[in-house]
């Protein structure tokens, strides 16, 4: 009897994804008993994959269920409706995603599978190569508060795989710009500038306009995307420099939300000071408009915003090869900047590193000699001020120079 019961149980477990997939698209109109069945099916899959406190999961059953989930394209169907599921079912869906996407074949059940992935999890590899829309659909879980947290948790777990990050970064809504069907990630045209319409660029909106929960979780995922795979991101930011920093500066750094503003400034400083982003840093500090933005951060009424802004401002001042636009702004505001910095955050008396850096910047500014040449056809190049009564300094014009002009920042010259 036990033998036949075991066979029946295994067969029913293989039917779970198929039956659930048939019900999920109709979830809006399902009668209560059918909705209960969806809940039961997801719960059963979770228990097979994870086991319970009393019983461990069966490797053979887990393998067979994962294979069936992949064959049925069940994860894509689940990602599309996760926001419509009851609360407990959303938690079960999160467990199913996480368990399936980290599962690696092993043992007797997969011994005959010569193509079993040796490195990447089997289901995740399938999604990357054949169903990348599953990953972007998970990102779009941030469109709704109900799905933001479970989708964000799933994404952060799989973002440790570089191909997942690339899938998000290089997503494009235009089918002509997408990689050809069934091609691996390197076919994603990494040297083609982005349109700004792909799913990655939606993170700016989710962070800035979402509810507190959505915004906080989206920023955590956004940070993982920008910091996990340094070579990939350095190339991406360099190629899409203008588009990325136009959005980053205007939407995040100048956000009305204090938490978003502070976190974004801190992440910007960390990104610029990362050695992998050397080319990105030199491009950023070449631009006078970015210096103006940082000077305004120093005047913010909130001290932590001032402090985070200081760590970006110091990169401009410490650059031994400043662009003409940056030189003009610093020169035109030399005396006021020096006076301002002497009393800047003077309550941080126990922060020796900050005090050393502030002294370094004051000495650099005081040591500036000779006015930089004015831009052609603009007279003196003094421009208009953006100062306030509290800070008393302005930011000169002449900041709109090109992205690349050969300036180089010595890593040793940047106090950090």
Protein backbone atom coordinates (compact mmCIF):
# COMPACT_ATOMS: atom_id res chain seq x y z
CA UNK A 1 0.00 0.00 0.00
CA UNK A 2 2.79 2.39 0.89
CA UNK A 3 4.40 1.68 -2.49
CA UNK A 4 1.24 2.62 -4.41
CA UNK A 5 0.63 5.64 -2.17
CA UNK A 6 4.13 6.89 -2.92
CA UNK A 7 3.59 6.54 -6.69
CA UNK A 8 0.28 8.38 -6.51
CA UNK A 9 1.82 11.16 -4.44
CA UNK A 10 4.69 11.62 -6.91
CA UNK A 11 2.35 11.74 -9.90
CA UNK A 12 0.13 14.33 -8.25
CA UNK A 13 3.15 16.47 -7.37
CA UNK A 14 4.12 16.59 -11.06
CA UNK A 15 0.62 17.79 -11.94
CA UNK A 16 0.73 20.71 -9.51
CA UNK A 17 2.40 23.30 -11.79
CA UNK A 18 0.18 22.41 -14.76
CA UNK A 19 -3.05 22.65 -12.79
CA UNK A 20 -1.99 25.85 -11.06
CA UNK A 21 -0.88 27.43 -14.33
CA UNK A 22 -4.34 26.82 -15.81
CA UNK A 23 -5.98 28.61 -12.89
CA UNK A 24 -3.63 31.57 -12.42
CA UNK A 25 -4.70 33.63 -15.49
CA UNK A 26 -8.33 33.40 -14.32
CA UNK A 27 -7.62 34.37 -10.73
CA UNK A 28 -9.71 37.56 -10.96
CA UNK A 29 -12.89 35.59 -11.72
CA UNK A 30 -12.27 32.35 -9.84
CA UNK A 31 -14.99 31.28 -7.41
CA UNK A 32 -13.86 30.96 -3.77
CA UNK A 33 -13.37 27.20 -3.94
CA UNK A 34 -11.08 27.52 -6.97
CA UNK A 35 -9.14 30.32 -5.31
CA UNK A 36 -8.70 28.02 -2.34
CA UNK A 37 -7.39 25.40 -4.74
CA UNK A 38 -4.73 27.82 -6.03
CA UNK A 39 -3.69 28.46 -2.44
CA UNK A 40 -3.53 24.71 -1.76
CA UNK A 41 -1.50 24.00 -4.92
CA UNK A 42 1.07 26.68 -4.11
CA UNK A 43 1.29 25.42 -0.54
CA UNK A 44 1.90 21.86 -1.73
CA UNK A 45 4.67 22.97 -4.07
CA UNK A 46 6.29 24.92 -1.26
CA UNK A 47 6.27 21.91 1.04
CA UNK A 48 7.73 19.63 -1.62
CA UNK A 49 10.54 22.09 -2.32
CA UNK A 50 11.24 23.11 1.26
CA UNK A 51 9.99 20.30 3.44
CA UNK A 52 8.50 20.90 6.87
CA UNK A 53 9.76 21.02 10.42
CA UNK A 54 8.92 17.33 10.77
CA UNK A 55 10.02 16.00 7.36
CA UNK A 56 12.85 16.82 4.99
CA UNK A 57 12.24 17.38 1.30
CA UNK A 58 12.85 14.46 -1.05
CA UNK A 59 15.69 15.22 -3.56
CA UNK A 60 13.99 13.12 -6.24
CA UNK A 61 10.65 14.85 -5.78
CA UNK A 62 12.28 18.28 -5.72
CA UNK A 63 14.13 17.55 -8.94
CA UNK A 64 11.02 16.27 -10.72
CA UNK A 65 8.96 19.25 -9.56
CA UNK A 66 11.60 21.78 -10.65
CA UNK A 67 11.83 20.14 -14.08
CA UNK A 68 8.05 20.27 -14.43
CA UNK A 69 7.91 23.92 -13.32
CA UNK A 70 10.48 24.79 -15.99
CA UNK A 71 8.74 22.74 -18.68
CA UNK A 72 5.38 24.35 -17.93
CA UNK A 73 6.82 27.93 -17.86
CA UNK A 74 5.10 28.14 -14.51
CA UNK A 75 7.35 30.86 -13.05
CA UNK A 76 6.40 33.39 -15.71
CA UNK A 77 2.71 32.72 -15.13
CA UNK A 78 3.24 33.08 -11.37
CA UNK A 79 5.23 36.34 -11.72
CA UNK A 80 2.42 37.90 -13.76
CA UNK A 81 -0.23 37.44 -11.07
CA UNK A 82 1.73 37.43 -7.83
CA UNK A 83 0.17 40.77 -6.83
CA UNK A 84 -3.31 39.22 -7.09
CA UNK A 85 -2.62 36.35 -4.72
CA UNK A 86 -3.72 36.35 -1.08
CA UNK A 87 -1.03 37.39 1.40
CA UNK A 88 -0.04 33.87 2.49
CA UNK A 89 0.01 32.67 -1.11
CA UNK A 90 2.37 35.53 -2.04
CA UNK A 91 4.72 34.27 0.65
CA UNK A 92 4.45 30.74 -0.77
CA UNK A 93 5.14 32.09 -4.26
CA UNK A 94 8.27 33.79 -2.98
CA UNK A 95 9.50 30.51 -1.47
CA UNK A 96 8.74 28.64 -4.72
CA UNK A 97 10.68 31.16 -6.78
CA UNK A 98 13.66 31.22 -4.45
CA UNK A 99 13.83 27.43 -4.09
CA UNK A 100 13.47 26.71 -7.81
CA UNK A 101 15.92 29.40 -8.95
CA UNK A 102 18.70 28.25 -6.64
CA UNK A 103 18.17 24.53 -7.22
CA UNK A 104 21.10 22.67 -8.78
CA UNK A 105 20.61 19.09 -10.01
CA UNK A 106 22.41 16.42 -8.07
CA UNK A 107 22.05 12.82 -7.00
CA UNK A 108 20.37 9.86 -8.64
CA UNK A 109 17.44 11.79 -10.04
CA UNK A 110 19.61 13.82 -12.38
CA UNK A 111 22.45 11.38 -12.95
CA UNK A 112 21.23 10.67 -16.47
CA UNK A 113 20.89 14.33 -17.35
CA UNK A 114 24.14 15.01 -19.18
CA UNK A 115 23.19 18.63 -19.80
CA UNK A 116 22.55 19.48 -16.15
CA UNK A 117 24.09 22.83 -15.35
CA UNK A 118 27.36 22.49 -13.53
CA UNK A 119 27.52 26.08 -12.34
CA UNK A 120 24.29 28.05 -12.74
CA UNK A 121 21.04 26.76 -11.27
CA UNK A 122 19.06 24.89 -13.90
CA UNK A 123 15.83 26.91 -13.80
CA UNK A 124 17.65 30.24 -13.59
CA UNK A 125 19.74 29.39 -16.63
CA UNK A 126 16.56 28.57 -18.53
CA UNK A 127 14.98 31.92 -17.61
CA UNK A 128 18.05 33.89 -18.62
CA UNK A 129 18.42 32.19 -21.99
CA UNK A 130 14.79 31.59 -22.94
CA UNK A 131 12.40 33.51 -20.68
CA UNK A 132 14.13 36.77 -19.66
CA UNK A 133 10.69 38.39 -19.47
CA UNK A 134 10.20 36.48 -16.21
CA UNK A 135 13.02 38.52 -14.65
CA UNK A 136 11.70 41.83 -15.98
CA UNK A 137 8.19 40.89 -14.85
CA UNK A 138 9.55 40.41 -11.34
CA UNK A 139 11.04 43.92 -11.57
CA UNK A 140 7.63 45.26 -12.54
CA UNK A 141 6.34 43.84 -9.30
CA UNK A 142 7.30 47.27 -7.93
CA UNK A 143 4.33 48.71 -9.83
CA UNK A 144 2.14 47.45 -6.98
CA UNK A 145 2.58 47.51 -3.25
CA UNK A 146 1.28 43.94 -2.87
CA UNK A 147 4.02 42.42 -5.02
CA UNK A 148 6.91 44.80 -4.30
CA UNK A 149 8.42 43.02 -1.30
CA UNK A 150 8.17 39.39 -2.49
CA UNK A 151 9.45 40.31 -5.96
CA UNK A 152 12.24 42.41 -4.50
CA UNK A 153 13.36 39.57 -2.24
CA UNK A 154 13.46 37.16 -5.19
CA UNK A 155 15.38 39.63 -7.35
CA UNK A 156 18.07 40.35 -4.77
CA UNK A 157 18.69 36.64 -4.32
CA UNK A 158 19.30 36.06 -8.03
CA UNK A 159 21.15 39.33 -8.72
CA UNK A 160 24.33 37.65 -7.49
CA UNK A 161 24.36 36.11 -10.99
CA UNK A 162 25.82 38.63 -13.44
CA UNK A 163 23.59 37.44 -16.27
CA UNK A 164 20.50 38.42 -14.27
CA UNK A 165 21.85 41.94 -13.77
CA UNK A 166 22.63 42.14 -17.50
CA UNK A 167 19.11 40.99 -18.34
CA UNK A 168 17.68 43.89 -16.33
CA UNK A 169 20.16 46.48 -17.57
CA UNK A 170 19.80 45.66 -21.26
CA UNK A 171 16.05 45.17 -21.35
CA UNK A 172 14.39 47.23 -24.11
CA UNK A 173 10.66 47.55 -24.87
CA UNK A 174 11.29 47.60 -28.62
CA UNK A 175 11.57 44.02 -29.86
CA UNK A 176 14.10 45.14 -32.47
CA UNK A 177 16.47 46.21 -29.71
CA UNK A 178 16.13 43.00 -27.72
CA UNK A 179 18.50 40.06 -28.11
CA UNK A 180 17.41 37.42 -30.58
CA UNK A 181 15.25 34.62 -29.18
CA UNK A 182 17.09 31.80 -27.44
CA UNK A 183 20.39 33.69 -27.45
CA UNK A 184 22.54 33.92 -24.38
CA UNK A 185 23.14 37.17 -22.53
CA UNK A 186 26.36 38.22 -24.36
CA UNK A 187 24.18 38.75 -27.49
CA UNK A 188 22.46 41.67 -25.72
CA UNK A 189 24.37 44.42 -27.54
CA UNK A 190 26.36 45.73 -24.54
CA UNK A 191 27.91 48.48 -26.71
CA UNK A 192 24.58 49.97 -27.79
CA UNK A 193 23.41 52.97 -25.73
CA UNK A 194 20.10 52.46 -23.97
CA UNK A 195 16.85 54.15 -24.93
CA UNK A 196 15.90 54.78 -21.31
CA UNK A 197 12.63 52.88 -21.78
CA UNK A 198 13.72 49.49 -20.42
CA UNK A 199 12.80 48.11 -17.04
CA UNK A 200 16.00 49.29 -15.33
CA UNK A 201 15.04 52.93 -15.86
CA UNK A 202 11.71 52.32 -14.11
CA UNK A 203 13.59 52.05 -10.83
CA UNK A 204 13.94 55.83 -10.73
CA UNK A 205 10.17 56.15 -10.77
CA UNK A 206 9.60 53.36 -8.24
CA UNK A 207 12.11 54.88 -5.83
CA UNK A 208 10.88 58.45 -6.18
CA UNK A 209 7.13 57.97 -6.47
CA UNK A 210 6.37 54.72 -4.68
CA UNK A 211 5.02 54.37 -1.17
CA UNK A 212 7.59 54.18 1.61
CA UNK A 213 7.72 50.37 1.50
CA UNK A 214 7.97 50.22 -2.29
CA UNK A 215 10.53 53.03 -2.46
CA UNK A 216 12.78 51.55 0.22
CA UNK A 217 12.72 48.06 -1.26
CA UNK A 218 13.22 49.32 -4.81
CA UNK A 219 16.24 51.35 -3.72
CA UNK A 220 17.75 48.30 -2.02
CA UNK A 221 17.42 46.33 -5.26
CA UNK A 222 18.68 49.30 -7.31
CA UNK A 223 21.75 49.46 -5.10
CA UNK A 224 22.40 45.74 -5.63
CA UNK A 225 22.22 46.22 -9.38
CA UNK A 226 24.76 49.05 -9.28
CA UNK A 227 27.25 47.50 -6.89
CA UNK A 228 27.26 43.73 -7.34
CA UNK A 229 29.07 43.30 -10.68
CA UNK A 230 31.56 46.13 -10.97
CA UNK A 231 32.98 45.56 -14.47
CA UNK A 232 29.53 45.19 -16.00
CA UNK A 233 28.24 48.34 -14.29
CA UNK A 234 31.34 50.42 -15.06
CA UNK A 235 30.92 49.74 -18.77
CA UNK A 236 27.16 50.35 -18.61
CA UNK A 237 27.50 53.69 -16.79
CA UNK A 238 30.27 54.85 -19.09
CA UNK A 239 28.20 54.06 -22.18
CA UNK A 240 24.98 55.57 -20.79
CA UNK A 241 26.60 58.34 -18.77
CA UNK A 242 24.45 61.29 -19.87
CA UNK A 243 21.12 59.49 -19.58
CA UNK A 244 21.91 57.83 -16.25
CA UNK A 245 23.24 60.85 -14.40
CA UNK A 246 20.59 63.18 -15.81
CA UNK A 247 18.01 60.97 -14.14
CA UNK A 248 20.08 60.22 -11.04
CA UNK A 249 20.85 63.88 -10.29
CA UNK A 250 17.40 65.28 -11.04
CA UNK A 251 15.19 62.50 -9.65
CA UNK A 252 17.17 60.94 -6.79
CA UNK A 253 19.76 63.44 -5.57
CA UNK A 254 17.21 66.25 -5.69
CA UNK A 255 14.34 64.16 -4.37
CA UNK A 256 11.91 65.77 -1.93
CA UNK A 257 12.02 62.60 0.15
CA UNK A 258 14.74 62.85 2.79
CA UNK A 259 15.50 59.13 2.97
CA UNK A 260 15.72 58.81 -0.82
CA UNK A 261 17.87 61.93 -1.10
CA UNK A 262 20.32 60.89 1.60
CA UNK A 263 20.66 57.29 0.40
CA UNK A 264 21.10 58.41 -3.19
CA UNK A 265 23.86 60.89 -2.35
CA UNK A 266 25.67 58.25 -0.31
CA UNK A 267 25.40 55.69 -3.13
CA UNK A 268 26.64 58.28 -5.63
CA UNK A 269 29.72 58.95 -3.51
CA UNK A 270 30.45 55.25 -3.13
CA UNK A 271 30.01 54.69 -6.86
CA UNK A 272 32.35 57.52 -7.85
CA UNK A 273 35.04 56.45 -5.38
CA UNK A 274 34.99 52.82 -6.49
CA UNK A 275 38.17 52.13 -8.48
CA UNK A 276 36.20 50.13 -11.04
CA UNK A 277 34.30 53.32 -11.92
CA UNK A 278 37.40 55.43 -12.53
CA UNK A 279 36.32 56.55 -16.01
CA UNK A 280 32.84 57.37 -14.74
CA UNK A 281 34.29 59.42 -11.89
CA UNK A 282 36.54 61.48 -14.17
CA UNK A 283 33.58 62.21 -16.46
CA UNK A 284 31.37 63.22 -13.52
CA UNK A 285 33.88 65.61 -11.93
CA UNK A 286 34.62 67.20 -15.30
CA UNK A 287 31.19 68.81 -15.34
CA UNK A 288 30.57 72.11 -13.67
CA UNK A 289 26.84 71.51 -13.29
CA UNK A 290 27.62 68.51 -11.10
CA UNK A 291 29.83 70.69 -8.90
CA UNK A 292 26.99 73.21 -8.58
CA UNK A 293 24.69 70.42 -7.45
CA UNK A 294 27.20 69.32 -4.81
CA UNK A 295 27.68 72.87 -3.55
CA UNK A 296 23.95 73.15 -3.04
CA UNK A 297 24.01 69.89 -1.06
CA UNK A 298 26.54 71.46 1.30
CA UNK A 299 23.96 74.12 2.10
CA UNK A 300 21.08 71.75 2.77
CA UNK A 301 19.39 72.32 6.12
CA UNK A 302 19.81 68.65 7.05
CA UNK A 303 23.26 67.82 8.32
CA UNK A 304 23.43 64.25 7.04
CA UNK A 305 22.67 65.50 3.53
CA UNK A 306 25.48 68.03 3.96
CA UNK A 307 27.81 65.31 5.17
CA UNK A 308 27.09 62.94 2.28
CA UNK A 309 27.37 65.82 -0.19
CA UNK A 310 30.77 66.70 1.25
CA UNK A 311 32.14 63.30 0.21
CA UNK A 312 31.25 64.07 -3.42
CA UNK A 313 32.43 67.69 -3.25
CA UNK A 314 35.87 66.60 -2.08
CA UNK A 315 36.41 64.65 -5.32
CA UNK A 316 36.01 67.84 -7.38
CA UNK A 317 38.45 69.81 -5.21
CA UNK A 318 41.02 67.01 -4.95
CA UNK A 319 41.13 66.47 -8.72
CA UNK A 320 44.62 67.66 -9.80
CA UNK A 321 43.41 68.08 -13.41
CA UNK A 322 40.21 70.09 -13.06
CA UNK A 323 38.29 71.04 -16.16
CA UNK A 324 38.09 74.77 -17.01
CA UNK A 325 34.42 74.91 -16.00
CA UNK A 326 35.11 73.41 -12.58
CA UNK A 327 38.14 75.68 -12.08
CA UNK A 328 36.06 78.77 -12.83
CA UNK A 329 33.35 77.84 -10.34
CA UNK A 330 35.86 77.16 -7.57
CA UNK A 331 37.86 80.29 -8.36
CA UNK A 332 34.82 82.57 -8.48
CA UNK A 333 33.73 81.25 -5.08
CA UNK A 334 37.18 80.74 -3.54
CA UNK A 335 36.92 83.14 -0.61
CA UNK A 336 33.33 82.28 0.24
CA UNK A 337 33.98 78.55 0.04
CA UNK A 338 37.01 78.81 2.32
CA UNK A 339 35.05 80.81 4.89
CA UNK A 340 32.09 78.44 4.64
CA UNK A 341 34.19 75.30 5.10
CA UNK A 342 35.91 76.62 8.21
CA UNK A 343 32.62 76.37 10.11
CA UNK A 344 31.06 73.55 8.07
CA UNK A 345 29.69 70.79 10.36
CA UNK A 346 31.90 72.06 13.15
CA UNK A 347 30.05 69.86 15.65
CA UNK A 348 31.74 66.72 14.23
CA UNK A 349 34.69 67.16 16.56
CA UNK A 350 35.21 63.43 17.10
CA UNK A 351 35.38 62.56 13.39
CA UNK A 352 39.10 62.80 12.75
CA UNK A 353 38.91 61.63 9.16
CA UNK A 354 36.30 64.25 8.31
CA UNK A 355 38.34 66.98 10.00
CA UNK A 356 41.46 65.95 8.09
CA UNK A 357 39.56 65.94 4.80
CA UNK A 358 38.01 69.33 5.50
CA UNK A 359 41.41 70.81 6.29
CA UNK A 360 42.77 69.30 3.08
CA UNK A 361 40.00 70.91 1.02
CA UNK A 362 40.44 74.31 2.66
CA UNK A 363 44.16 74.21 1.90
CA UNK A 364 43.45 73.18 -1.70
CA UNK A 365 40.99 76.04 -2.20
CA UNK A 366 43.16 78.62 -0.45
CA UNK A 367 46.11 77.49 -2.55
CA UNK A 368 44.41 78.19 -5.88
CA UNK A 369 46.37 80.83 -7.79
CA UNK A 370 45.52 82.60 -11.00
CA UNK A 371 42.04 82.89 -12.52
CA UNK A 372 41.28 80.20 -15.12
CA UNK A 373 40.77 81.42 -18.69
CA UNK A 374 37.25 82.54 -19.54
CA UNK A 375 35.39 80.45 -22.13
CA UNK A 376 35.55 81.85 -25.65
CA UNK A 377 32.96 84.52 -26.36
CA UNK A 378 31.64 84.75 -22.78
CA UNK A 379 33.65 87.67 -21.37
CA UNK A 380 34.78 87.15 -17.80
CA UNK A 381 32.82 83.94 -17.26
CA UNK A 382 31.69 84.89 -13.77
CA UNK A 383 28.13 83.78 -14.43
CA UNK A 384 25.26 83.96 -11.99
CA UNK A 385 25.31 83.00 -8.35
CA UNK A 386 23.17 80.36 -6.66
CA UNK A 387 24.20 81.21 -3.13
CA UNK A 388 21.98 81.51 -0.06
CA UNK A 389 22.20 83.65 3.04
CA UNK A 390 23.35 80.72 5.14
CA UNK A 391 26.19 79.67 2.88
CA UNK A 392 26.87 82.87 1.01
CA UNK A 393 28.46 81.40 -2.08
CA UNK A 394 27.46 81.17 -5.71
CA UNK A 395 28.27 78.78 -8.50
CA UNK A 396 29.71 80.41 -11.60
CA UNK A 397 28.64 79.64 -15.11
CA UNK A 398 30.70 77.96 -17.78
CA UNK A 399 29.88 74.43 -16.65
CA UNK A 400 28.51 73.07 -19.88
CA UNK A 401 31.65 71.58 -21.34
CA UNK A 402 31.90 68.19 -23.03
CA UNK A 403 31.80 64.84 -21.32
CA UNK A 404 35.40 63.86 -22.03
CA UNK A 405 38.34 66.26 -22.03
CA UNK A 406 41.17 64.05 -20.87
CA UNK A 407 41.19 65.06 -17.22
CA UNK A 408 42.55 62.46 -14.81
CA UNK A 409 42.01 62.16 -11.08
CA UNK A 410 44.86 60.67 -9.12
CA UNK A 411 43.46 58.06 -6.76
CA UNK A 412 46.06 59.05 -4.19
CA UNK A 413 44.88 62.66 -4.32
CA UNK A 414 41.33 61.83 -3.27
CA UNK A 415 41.04 61.60 0.53
CA UNK A 416 38.80 58.72 1.44
